[in-house]
PDB file of N, CA and C in Angstrom:
ATOM      1  N   MET A   1      32.404  -8.151 -11.061  1.00  0.00           N
ATOM      2  CA  MET A   1      31.444  -8.981 -10.373  1.00  0.00           C
ATOM      3  C   MET A   1      31.073  -8.377  -9.021  1.00  0.00           C
ATOM      4  N   TRP A   2      32.041  -7.914  -8.256  1.00  0.00           N
ATOM      5  CA  TRP A   2      31.757  -7.355  -6.934  1.00  0.00           C
ATOM      6  C   TRP A   2      30.955  -6.060  -7.027  1.00  0.00           C
ATOM      7  N   GLU A   3      31.125  -5.314  -8.114  1.00  0.00           N
ATOM      8  CA  GLU A   3      30.367  -4.078  -8.262  1.00  0.00           C
ATOM      9  C   GLU A   3      28.875  -4.377  -8.314  1.00  0.00           C
ATOM     10  N   TYR A   4      28.520  -5.461  -9.002  1.00  0.00           N
ATOM     11  CA  TYR A   4      27.114  -5.827  -9.120  1.00  0.00           C
ATOM     12  C   TYR A   4      26.561  -6.322  -7.789  1.00  0.00           C
ATOM     13  N   ILE A   5      27.330  -7.106  -7.083  1.00  0.00           N
ATOM     14  CA  ILE A   5      26.881  -7.605  -5.790  1.00  0.00           C
ATOM     15  C   ILE A   5      26.676  -6.447  -4.819  1.00  0.00           C
ATOM     16  N   LEU A   6      27.605  -5.514  -4.807  1.00  0.00           N
ATOM     17  CA  LEU A   6      27.465  -4.350  -3.934  1.00  0.00           C
ATOM     18  C   LEU A   6      26.259  -3.498  -4.334  1.00  0.00           C
ATOM     19  N   ALA A   7      26.018  -3.371  -5.623  1.00  0.00           N
ATOM     20  CA  ALA A   7      24.866  -2.602  -6.087  1.00  0.00           C
ATOM     21  C   ALA A   7      23.557  -3.277  -5.672  1.00  0.00           C
ATOM     22  N   VAL A   8      23.486  -4.586  -5.787  1.00  0.00           N
ATOM     23  CA  VAL A   8      22.282  -5.324  -5.398  1.00  0.00           C
ATOM     24  C   VAL A   8      22.066  -5.226  -3.889  1.00  0.00           C
ATOM     25  N   VAL A   9      23.126  -5.382  -3.126  1.00  0.00           N
ATOM     26  CA  VAL A   9      23.016  -5.269  -1.667  1.00  0.00           C
ATOM     27  C   VAL A   9      22.581  -3.851  -1.291  1.00  0.00           C
ATOM     28  N   ALA A  10      23.127  -2.856  -1.942  1.00  0.00           N
ATOM     29  CA  ALA A  10      22.745  -1.471  -1.666  1.00  0.00           C
ATOM     30  C   ALA A  10      21.270  -1.243  -1.992  1.00  0.00           C
ATOM     31  N   LEU A  11      20.787  -1.821  -3.076  1.00  0.00           N
ATOM     32  CA  LEU A  11      19.381  -1.682  -3.442  1.00  0.00           C
ATOM     33  C   LEU A  11      18.476  -2.366  -2.422  1.00  0.00           C
ATOM     34  N   VAL A  12      18.878  -3.537  -1.956  1.00  0.00           N
ATOM     35  CA  VAL A  12      18.097  -4.256  -0.936  1.00  0.00           C
ATOM     36  C   VAL A  12      18.055  -3.439   0.355  1.00  0.00           C
ATOM     37  N   VAL A  13      19.172  -2.882   0.755  1.00  0.00           N
ATOM     38  CA  VAL A  13      19.219  -2.062   1.966  1.00  0.00           C
ATOM     39  C   VAL A  13      18.357  -0.821   1.800  1.00  0.00           C
ATOM     40  N   LEU A  14      18.411  -0.202   0.644  1.00  0.00           N
ATOM     41  CA  LEU A  14      17.606   0.987   0.379  1.00  0.00           C
ATOM     42  C   LEU A  14      16.112   0.664   0.451  1.00  0.00           C
ATOM     43  N   CYS A  15      15.694  -0.421  -0.162  1.00  0.00           N
ATOM     44  CA  CYS A  15      14.283  -0.816  -0.128  1.00  0.00           C
ATOM     45  C   CYS A  15      13.845  -1.174   1.290  1.00  0.00           C
ATOM     46  N   GLY A  16      14.676  -1.888   2.012  1.00  0.00           N
ATOM     47  CA  GLY A  16      14.368  -2.218   3.401  1.00  0.00           C
ATOM     48  C   GLY A  16      14.262  -0.974   4.258  1.00  0.00           C
ATOM     49  N   GLY A  17      15.165  -0.047   4.035  1.00  0.00           N
ATOM     50  CA  GLY A  17      15.120   1.216   4.769  1.00  0.00           C
ATOM     51  C   GLY A  17      13.860   2.005   4.465  1.00  0.00           C
ATOM     52  N   TRP A  18      13.422   1.970   3.211  1.00  0.00           N
ATOM     53  CA  TRP A  18      12.208   2.671   2.827  1.00  0.00           C
ATOM     54  C   TRP A  18      10.992   2.066   3.538  1.00  0.00           C
ATOM     55  N   ILE A  19      10.943   0.754   3.641  1.00  0.00           N
ATOM     56  CA  ILE A  19       9.840   0.079   4.327  1.00  0.00           C
ATOM     57  C   ILE A  19       9.836   0.451   5.808  1.00  0.00           C
ATOM     58  N   VAL A  20      10.996   0.425   6.432  1.00  0.00           N
ATOM     59  CA  VAL A  20      11.099   0.791   7.850  1.00  0.00           C
ATOM     60  C   VAL A  20      10.692   2.246   8.050  1.00  0.00           C
ATOM     61  N   PHE A  21      11.115   3.120   7.148  1.00  0.00           N
ATOM     62  CA  PHE A  21      10.755   4.532   7.213  1.00  0.00           C
ATOM     63  C   PHE A  21       9.246   4.716   7.102  1.00  0.00           C
ATOM     64  N   GLN A  22       8.593   4.013   6.196  1.00  0.00           N
ATOM     65  CA  GLN A  22       7.147   4.109   6.036  1.00  0.00           C
ATOM     66  C   GLN A  22       6.423   3.631   7.292  1.00  0.00           C
ATOM     67  N   MET A  23       6.913   2.557   7.897  1.00  0.00           N
ATOM     68  CA  MET A  23       6.308   2.057   9.128  1.00  0.00           C
ATOM     69  C   MET A  23       6.480   3.066  10.265  1.00  0.00           C
ATOM     70  N   TRP A  24       7.634   3.711  10.323  1.00  0.00           N
ATOM     71  CA  TRP A  24       7.893   4.711  11.348  1.00  0.00           C
ATOM     72  C   TRP A  24       6.968   5.919  11.162  1.00  0.00           C
ATOM     73  N   ILE A  25       6.820   6.376   9.921  1.00  0.00           N
ATOM     74  CA  ILE A  25       5.927   7.499   9.615  1.00  0.00           C
ATOM     75  C   ILE A  25       4.502   7.153  10.028  1.00  0.00           C
ATOM     76  N   ASN A  26       4.079   5.934   9.751  1.00  0.00           N
ATOM     77  CA  ASN A  26       2.723   5.508  10.093  1.00  0.00           C
ATOM     78  C   ASN A  26       2.499   5.572  11.606  1.00  0.00           C
ATOM     79  N   LYS A  27       3.505   5.226  12.393  1.00  0.00           N
ATOM     80  CA  LYS A  27       3.380   5.272  13.851  1.00  0.00           C
ATOM     81  C   LYS A  27       3.416   6.709  14.370  1.00  0.00           C
ATOM     82  N   GLN A  28       4.107   7.597  13.683  1.00  0.00           N
ATOM     83  CA  GLN A  28       4.266   8.967  14.150  1.00  0.00           C
ATOM     84  C   GLN A  28       3.053   9.833  13.873  1.00  0.00           C
ATOM     85  N   ASP A  29       2.254   9.476  12.880  1.00  0.00           N
ATOM     86  CA  ASP A  29       1.110  10.288  12.489  1.00  0.00           C
ATOM     87  C   ASP A  29      -0.175   9.502  12.693  1.00  0.00           C
ATOM     88  N   PRO A  30      -0.711   9.500  13.909  1.00  0.00           N
ATOM     89  CA  PRO A  30      -1.909   8.696  14.171  1.00  0.00           C
ATOM     90  C   PRO A  30      -3.150   9.226  13.460  1.00  0.00           C
ATOM     91  N   ALA A  31      -3.149  10.486  13.031  1.00  0.00           N
ATOM     92  CA  ALA A  31      -4.315  11.043  12.353  1.00  0.00           C
ATOM     93  C   ALA A  31      -4.421  10.544  10.911  1.00  0.00           C
ATOM     94  N   LYS A  32      -3.315  10.051  10.384  1.00  0.00           N
ATOM     95  CA  LYS A  32      -3.327   9.554   9.007  1.00  0.00           C
ATOM     96  C   LYS A  32      -4.161   8.277   8.953  1.00  0.00           C
ATOM     97  N   PRO A  33      -5.087   8.203   7.999  1.00  0.00           N
ATOM     98  CA  PRO A  33      -5.885   6.979   7.915  1.00  0.00           C
ATOM     99  C   PRO A  33      -5.032   5.786   7.512  1.00  0.00           C
ATOM    100  N   LYS A  34      -5.420   4.646   8.026  1.00  0.00           N
ATOM    101  CA  LYS A  34      -4.699   3.420   7.697  1.00  0.00           C
ATOM    102  C   LYS A  34      -4.982   3.023   6.258  1.00  0.00           C
ATOM    103  N   PHE A  35      -4.090   2.257   5.679  1.00  0.00           N
ATOM    104  CA  PHE A  35      -4.271   1.792   4.314  1.00  0.00           C
ATOM    105  C   PHE A  35      -5.397   0.767   4.285  1.00  0.00           C
ATOM    106  N   GLU A  36      -6.336   0.988   3.418  1.00  0.00           N
ATOM    107  CA  GLU A  36      -7.381   0.005   3.197  1.00  0.00           C
ATOM    108  C   GLU A  36      -7.936   0.213   1.792  1.00  0.00           C
ATOM    109  N   THR A  37      -8.406  -0.840   1.237  1.00  0.00           N
ATOM    110  CA  THR A  37      -9.010  -0.712  -0.078  1.00  0.00           C
ATOM    111  C   THR A  37     -10.436  -0.242   0.105  1.00  0.00           C
ATOM    112  N   LYS A  38     -10.867   0.600  -0.769  1.00  0.00           N
ATOM    113  CA  LYS A  38     -12.219   1.134  -0.696  1.00  0.00           C
ATOM    114  C   LYS A  38     -13.016   0.550  -1.848  1.00  0.00           C
ATOM    115  N   GLY A  39     -13.948  -0.282  -1.513  1.00  0.00           N
ATOM    116  CA  GLY A  39     -14.806  -0.842  -2.539  1.00  0.00           C
ATOM    117  C   GLY A  39     -14.069  -1.827  -3.421  1.00  0.00           C
ATOM    118  N   CYS A  40     -14.450  -1.864  -4.664  1.00  0.00           N
ATOM    119  CA  CYS A  40     -13.897  -2.847  -5.595  1.00  0.00           C
ATOM    120  C   CYS A  40     -12.772  -2.253  -6.437  1.00  0.00           C
ATOM    121  N   GLY A  41     -12.464  -0.979  -6.237  1.00  0.00           N
ATOM    122  CA  GLY A  41     -11.431  -0.328  -7.032  1.00  0.00           C
ATOM    123  C   GLY A  41     -12.009   0.604  -8.072  1.00  0.00           C
ATOM    124  N   CYS A  42     -13.285   0.431  -8.373  1.00  0.00           N
ATOM    125  CA  CYS A  42     -13.952   1.282  -9.362  1.00  0.00           C
ATOM    126  C   CYS A  42     -14.680   2.441  -8.699  1.00  0.00           C
ATOM    127  N   HIS A  43     -14.993   2.296  -7.424  1.00  0.00           N
ATOM    128  CA  HIS A  43     -15.768   3.297  -6.711  1.00  0.00           C
ATOM    129  C   HIS A  43     -14.999   3.782  -5.500  1.00  0.00           C
ATOM    130  N   THR A  44     -15.416   4.918  -4.978  1.00  0.00           N
ATOM    131  CA  THR A  44     -14.700   5.496  -3.840  1.00  0.00           C
ATOM    132  C   THR A  44     -15.191   4.982  -2.502  1.00  0.00           C
ATOM    133  N   THR A  45     -16.343   4.340  -2.484  1.00  0.00           N
ATOM    134  CA  THR A  45     -16.855   3.812  -1.218  1.00  0.00           C
ATOM    135  C   THR A  45     -17.310   2.378  -1.398  1.00  0.00           C
ATOM    136  N   LYS A  46     -17.341   1.667  -0.290  1.00  0.00           N
ATOM    137  CA  LYS A  46     -17.787   0.280  -0.331  1.00  0.00           C
ATOM    138  C   LYS A  46     -19.281   0.190  -0.596  1.00  0.00           C
ATOM    139  N   SER A  47     -20.042   1.192  -0.140  1.00  0.00           N
ATOM    140  CA  SER A  47     -21.493   1.136  -0.322  1.00  0.00           C
ATOM    141  C   SER A  47     -21.867   1.170  -1.801  1.00  0.00           C
ATOM    142  N   LYS A  48     -21.177   1.966  -2.606  1.00  0.00           N
ATOM    143  CA  LYS A  48     -21.461   1.996  -4.042  1.00  0.00           C
ATOM    144  C   LYS A  48     -21.128   0.657  -4.683  1.00  0.00           C
ATOM    145  N   CYS A  49     -20.068   0.046  -4.228  1.00  0.00           N
ATOM    146  CA  CYS A  49     -19.670  -1.254  -4.766  1.00  0.00           C
ATOM    147  C   CYS A  49     -20.743  -2.294  -4.445  1.00  0.00           C
ATOM    148  N   VAL A  50     -21.252  -2.263  -3.215  1.00  0.00           N
ATOM    149  CA  VAL A  50     -22.296  -3.208  -2.802  1.00  0.00           C
ATOM    150  C   VAL A  50     -23.570  -2.954  -3.596  1.00  0.00           C
ATOM    151  N   GLU A  51     -23.910  -1.672  -3.809  1.00  0.00           N
ATOM    152  CA  GLU A  51     -25.105  -1.331  -4.584  1.00  0.00           C
ATOM    153  C   GLU A  51     -25.002  -1.898  -6.003  1.00  0.00           C
ATOM    154  N   ASN A  52     -23.848  -1.782  -6.610  1.00  0.00           N
ATOM    155  CA  ASN A  52     -23.672  -2.286  -7.969  1.00  0.00           C
ATOM    156  C   ASN A  52     -23.733  -3.808  -8.007  1.00  0.00           C
ATOM    157  N   LYS A  53     -23.235  -4.469  -6.972  1.00  0.00           N
ATOM    158  CA  LYS A  53     -23.321  -5.924  -6.928  1.00  0.00           C
ATOM    159  C   LYS A  53     -24.770  -6.379  -6.806  1.00  0.00           C
ATOM    160  N   VAL A  54     -25.568  -5.636  -6.023  1.00  0.00           N
ATOM    161  CA  VAL A  54     -26.975  -5.978  -5.856  1.00  0.00           C
ATOM    162  C   VAL A  54     -27.705  -5.772  -7.184  1.00  0.00           C
ATOM    163  N   LYS A  55     -27.403  -4.669  -7.877  1.00  0.00           N
ATOM    164  CA  LYS A  55     -28.029  -4.403  -9.180  1.00  0.00           C
ATOM    165  C   LYS A  55     -27.653  -5.486 -10.188  1.00  0.00           C
ATOM    166  N   ALA A  56     -26.401  -5.917 -10.170  1.00  0.00           N
ATOM    167  CA  ALA A  56     -25.951  -6.926 -11.124  1.00  0.00           C
ATOM    168  C   ALA A  56     -26.575  -8.286 -10.835  1.00  0.00           C
ATOM    169  N   ALA A  57     -26.883  -8.561  -9.575  1.00  0.00           N
ATOM    170  CA  ALA A  57     -27.463  -9.850  -9.210  1.00  0.00           C
ATOM    171  C   ALA A  57     -28.934  -9.962  -9.632  1.00  0.00           C
ATOM    172  N   LYS A  58     -29.590  -8.820  -9.807  1.00  0.00           N
ATOM    173  CA  LYS A  58     -31.015  -8.828 -10.176  1.00  0.00           C
ATOM    174  C   LYS A  58     -31.209  -9.182 -11.588  1.00  0.00           C
TER     175      LYS A  58
END
């Protein structure tokens, strides 16, 4: 029983550490673009997504 609890706690610590590491990396590299979604997921830019919405509305 304790082996499983220790494994779960270790996994939680590992995941938490990974999140903290990612946040630290983000602060260290200001040239890296921030995470944002681009468009609707089908296109690489928001303008193409808007164009398709306008076409679909017509």
